[in-house]
N, C-alpha and C. Protein backbone atom coordinates (compact mmCIF):
# COMPACT_ATOMS: atom_id res chain seq x y z
N MET A 1 -15.85 -3.54 -18.70
CA MET A 1 -14.62 -4.38 -18.25
C MET A 1 -15.20 -5.53 -17.99
N THR A 2 -14.45 -6.44 -17.68
CA THR A 2 -14.63 -7.89 -17.52
C THR A 2 -14.04 -7.56 -15.70
N ILE A 3 -15.36 -8.84 -14.93
CA ILE A 3 -14.75 -8.94 -13.49
C ILE A 3 -13.35 -9.54 -12.90
N THR A 4 -12.74 -10.35 -14.34
CA THR A 4 -11.77 -10.62 -13.97
C THR A 4 -10.78 -8.86 -14.24
N SER A 5 -10.63 -8.36 -15.03
CA SER A 5 -10.34 -6.72 -15.32
C SER A 5 -10.06 -6.06 -14.25
N VAL A 6 -11.59 -5.76 -13.56
CA VAL A 6 -11.49 -5.34 -12.22
C VAL A 6 -11.40 -5.78 -11.47
N ILE A 7 -10.85 -6.92 -10.98
CA ILE A 7 -10.34 -7.53 -9.76
C ILE A 7 -8.59 -7.23 -10.42
N VAL A 8 -8.25 -7.75 -11.94
CA VAL A 8 -6.56 -7.92 -11.85
C VAL A 8 -6.06 -5.97 -11.81
N LEU A 9 -6.93 -4.92 -11.75
CA LEU A 9 -6.89 -3.30 -11.72
C LEU A 9 -6.59 -3.30 -10.79
N PHE A 10 -7.69 -3.55 -9.11
CA PHE A 10 -7.48 -3.53 -8.25
C PHE A 10 -6.52 -3.89 -7.51
N SER A 11 -5.97 -5.39 -7.89
CA SER A 11 -4.67 -5.69 -7.31
C SER A 11 -3.78 -5.31 -7.63
N VAL A 12 -3.23 -4.58 -8.66
CA VAL A 12 -2.16 -3.97 -9.08
C VAL A 12 -1.97 -2.24 -8.59
N PHE A 13 -3.45 -1.82 -8.81
CA PHE A 13 -3.34 -0.61 -8.18
C PHE A 13 -3.15 -0.88 -6.44
N TRP A 14 -3.86 -1.78 -5.52
CA TRP A 14 -3.34 -2.24 -4.10
C TRP A 14 -1.74 -1.76 -3.78
N PHE A 15 -1.30 -2.84 -4.67
CA PHE A 15 0.09 -3.47 -4.67
C PHE A 15 1.12 -2.23 -4.62
N ILE A 16 0.76 -1.80 -5.56
CA ILE A 16 1.54 -0.25 -5.97
C ILE A 16 1.48 0.85 -4.90
N ILE A 17 -0.04 1.13 -4.41
CA ILE A 17 0.18 2.52 -3.09
C ILE A 17 0.80 1.08 -1.66
N LEU A 18 0.36 0.05 -2.20
CA LEU A 18 1.16 -0.42 -0.84
C LEU A 18 2.55 -0.55 -0.18
N PHE A 19 3.56 -0.35 -1.83
CA PHE A 19 4.56 0.15 -2.03
C PHE A 19 4.94 1.43 -1.54
N ILE A 20 4.38 2.92 -1.88
CA ILE A 20 4.00 3.54 -1.30
C ILE A 20 4.09 4.12 -0.23
N ILE A 21 3.04 3.38 0.09
CA ILE A 21 2.71 3.55 2.17
C ILE A 21 3.75 2.90 2.91
N LEU A 22 4.29 1.71 2.76
CA LEU A 22 5.17 1.17 3.63
C LEU A 22 6.27 1.90 3.93
N PRO A 23 6.88 2.71 3.43
CA PRO A 23 7.71 3.47 4.34
C PRO A 23 7.70 4.78 5.12
N LEU A 24 6.66 5.13 4.79
CA LEU A 24 6.40 6.26 5.55
C LEU A 24 6.06 6.02 7.36
N ASN A 25 6.37 6.89 7.67
CA ASN A 25 6.31 6.85 9.06
C ASN A 25 7.07 5.52 9.80
N VAL A 26 8.16 5.02 9.39
CA VAL A 26 8.57 4.09 10.26
C VAL A 26 9.74 5.16 10.62
N THR A 27 10.14 4.39 11.90
CA THR A 27 11.04 4.31 13.07
C THR A 27 11.86 3.29 13.83
N THR A 28 12.91 3.14 12.58
CA THR A 28 14.01 2.01 12.81
C THR A 28 14.65 2.04 14.17
N GLN A 29 15.00 0.84 14.70
CA GLN A 29 15.76 0.23 15.82
C GLN A 29 16.87 1.60 15.68
N LYS A 30 17.89 1.88 14.66
CA LYS A 30 18.33 2.83 14.92
C LYS A 30 18.36 4.29 15.56
N ASP A 31 16.92 4.69 14.75
CA ASP A 31 16.67 5.75 15.45
C ASP A 31 16.14 5.60 16.97
N VAL A 32 15.83 5.05 17.16
CA VAL A 32 15.62 4.85 19.07
C VAL A 32 16.81 4.35 19.35
N GLU A 33 17.84 4.34 19.26
CA GLU A 33 19.15 3.06 19.52
C GLU A 33 18.78 2.19 20.29
N ASN A 34 17.63 1.40 20.24
CA ASN A 34 17.79 -0.22 20.63
C ASN A 34 17.71 -0.93 20.14
N ILE A 35 19.23 -1.25 19.20
CA ILE A 35 19.37 -2.53 18.14
C ILE A 35 19.66 -3.88 18.97
N VAL A 36 18.50 -4.63 18.88
CA VAL A 36 18.76 -5.80 19.06
C VAL A 36 19.34 -6.89 18.18
N PRO A 37 20.51 -7.65 19.19
CA PRO A 37 21.15 -8.64 18.20
C PRO A 37 20.62 -9.29 17.59
N GLY A 38 21.00 -9.49 16.20
CA GLY A 38 20.88 -10.55 15.18
C GLY A 38 20.08 -9.78 14.35
N THR A 39 19.70 -8.33 14.08
CA THR A 39 19.10 -7.81 13.01
C THR A 39 19.52 -6.82 12.62
N ALA A 40 19.42 -6.43 11.53
CA ALA A 40 19.15 -5.19 10.94
C ALA A 40 19.49 -3.66 11.80
N PRO A 41 20.37 -2.94 11.55
CA PRO A 41 19.90 -1.53 12.96
C PRO A 41 18.82 -0.76 11.93
N SER A 42 18.48 -1.02 10.06
CA SER A 42 17.40 -0.99 9.76
C SER A 42 15.85 -0.93 10.05
N SER A 43 15.19 -1.88 10.88
CA SER A 43 14.37 -2.86 11.07
C SER A 43 13.53 -1.91 11.65
N PRO A 44 12.28 -1.72 11.50
CA PRO A 44 11.47 -1.25 11.75
C PRO A 44 11.15 -1.86 13.63
N VAL A 45 10.82 -0.40 14.78
CA VAL A 45 10.64 -0.63 15.83
C VAL A 45 8.79 -1.69 15.89
N LYS A 46 8.26 -0.65 15.36
CA LYS A 46 6.96 -0.85 15.14
C LYS A 46 6.35 -0.75 13.73
N SER A 47 6.30 -2.04 13.02
CA SER A 47 5.36 -1.79 11.77
C SER A 47 4.15 -1.57 11.50
N ASN A 48 3.32 -1.29 12.09
CA ASN A 48 1.89 -0.81 11.97
C ASN A 48 1.15 -1.37 10.49
N LEU A 49 1.57 -2.49 10.26
CA LEU A 49 1.18 -2.95 9.22
C LEU A 49 -0.52 -3.02 8.89
N LYS A 50 -1.25 -3.06 9.86
CA LYS A 50 -2.69 -3.64 9.99
C LYS A 50 -3.01 -1.81 9.51
N LYS A 51 -3.00 -0.60 10.14
CA LYS A 51 -3.21 0.82 9.35
C LYS A 51 -3.29 1.04 8.33
N LYS A 52 -1.48 0.58 8.00
CA LYS A 52 -1.07 0.58 6.51
C LYS A 52 -2.03 -0.41 5.58
N PHE A 53 -2.43 -0.93 5.62
CA PHE A 53 -3.00 -2.04 4.88
C PHE A 53 -4.86 -1.20 4.82
N TYR A 54 -5.40 -0.67 5.76
CA TYR A 54 -6.62 -0.13 5.34
C TYR A 54 -6.22 1.07 5.31
N ILE A 55 -5.24 2.16 5.22
CA ILE A 55 -5.06 3.08 4.43
C ILE A 55 -5.05 2.94 3.39
N THR A 56 -3.86 1.85 2.99
CA THR A 56 -3.93 1.15 1.08
C THR A 56 -4.79 1.05 0.56
N THR A 57 -5.77 0.16 1.46
CA THR A 57 -7.60 -0.04 0.65
C THR A 57 -8.01 1.40 0.45
N ILE A 58 -8.17 2.07 1.55
CA ILE A 58 -8.53 3.20 0.73
C ILE A 58 -8.29 4.07 -0.16
N VAL A 59 -7.33 4.70 -0.06
CA VAL A 59 -6.32 5.24 -1.38
C VAL A 59 -6.81 4.28 -2.11
N THR A 60 -6.48 2.93 -2.49
CA THR A 60 -6.65 2.65 -3.36
C THR A 60 -8.45 2.37 -4.16
N LEU A 61 -9.21 2.44 -3.55
CA LEU A 61 -10.36 2.26 -3.77
C LEU A 61 -10.63 4.01 -4.41
N LEU A 62 -10.26 4.89 -3.41
CA LEU A 62 -10.23 6.38 -4.22
C LEU A 62 -10.16 7.21 -5.12
N VAL A 63 -8.45 5.62 -5.75
CA VAL A 63 -8.17 5.73 -6.81
C VAL A 63 -8.94 4.76 -8.01
N TRP A 64 -8.86 3.88 -7.83
CA TRP A 64 -9.80 2.56 -8.52
C TRP A 64 -11.04 2.83 -8.76
N VAL A 65 -12.19 3.22 -8.26
CA VAL A 65 -13.22 3.89 -8.45
C VAL A 65 -12.91 4.98 -9.83
N PRO A 66 -12.83 6.14 -9.64
CA PRO A 66 -12.93 6.99 -11.11
C PRO A 66 -12.02 6.03 -11.58
N THR A 67 -11.07 4.99 -12.21
CA THR A 67 -10.28 5.03 -13.07
C THR A 67 -11.97 4.28 -13.79
N CYS A 68 -12.18 3.09 -13.01
CA CYS A 68 -12.68 1.84 -13.63
C CYS A 68 -14.18 2.69 -14.20
N PHE A 69 -14.56 3.51 -13.37
CA PHE A 69 -15.90 4.99 -14.34
C PHE A 69 -15.38 5.27 -15.40
N GLY A 70 -14.46 5.70 -15.51
CA GLY A 70 -13.55 6.34 -16.73
C GLY A 70 -13.28 5.45 -18.18
N ILE A 71 -12.75 4.83 -17.59
CA ILE A 71 -12.69 3.09 -18.69
C ILE A 71 -14.26 2.62 -19.25
N ASN A 72 -15.48 3.01 -18.45
CA ASN A 72 -16.47 1.77 -18.64
C ASN A 72 -17.04 2.76 -19.47
N PHE A 73 -17.37 4.28 -18.89
CA PHE A 73 -17.90 5.49 -19.53
C PHE A 73 -17.15 6.23 -21.02
N PHE A 74 -15.85 6.11 -20.59
CA PHE A 74 -15.04 7.28 -21.47
C PHE A 74 -14.28 6.53 -22.73
N MET A 75 -14.20 5.43 -22.60
CA MET A 75 -13.57 4.52 -23.91
C MET A 75 -14.25 3.99 -24.31
N PRO A 76 -14.06 3.99 -26.09
CA PRO A 76 -14.53 3.53 -26.69
C PRO A 76 -14.68 1.98 -26.79
């Protein structure tokens, strides 16, 4: 695999996993019954994006490393 392929594969995995993790553990304004005027009731109270980015990166590494290993050593 070239360095470009490695970076593209990591980026694709990262964004797919991010979109899987984003809706987890979300508390909406409707859940806490404190809807700010002018916002959607489904808006999150606290998004925790920094934590979700860290989790996404860790999970991506756990998926990406074996995938790269398999591609490099088991694909002709």
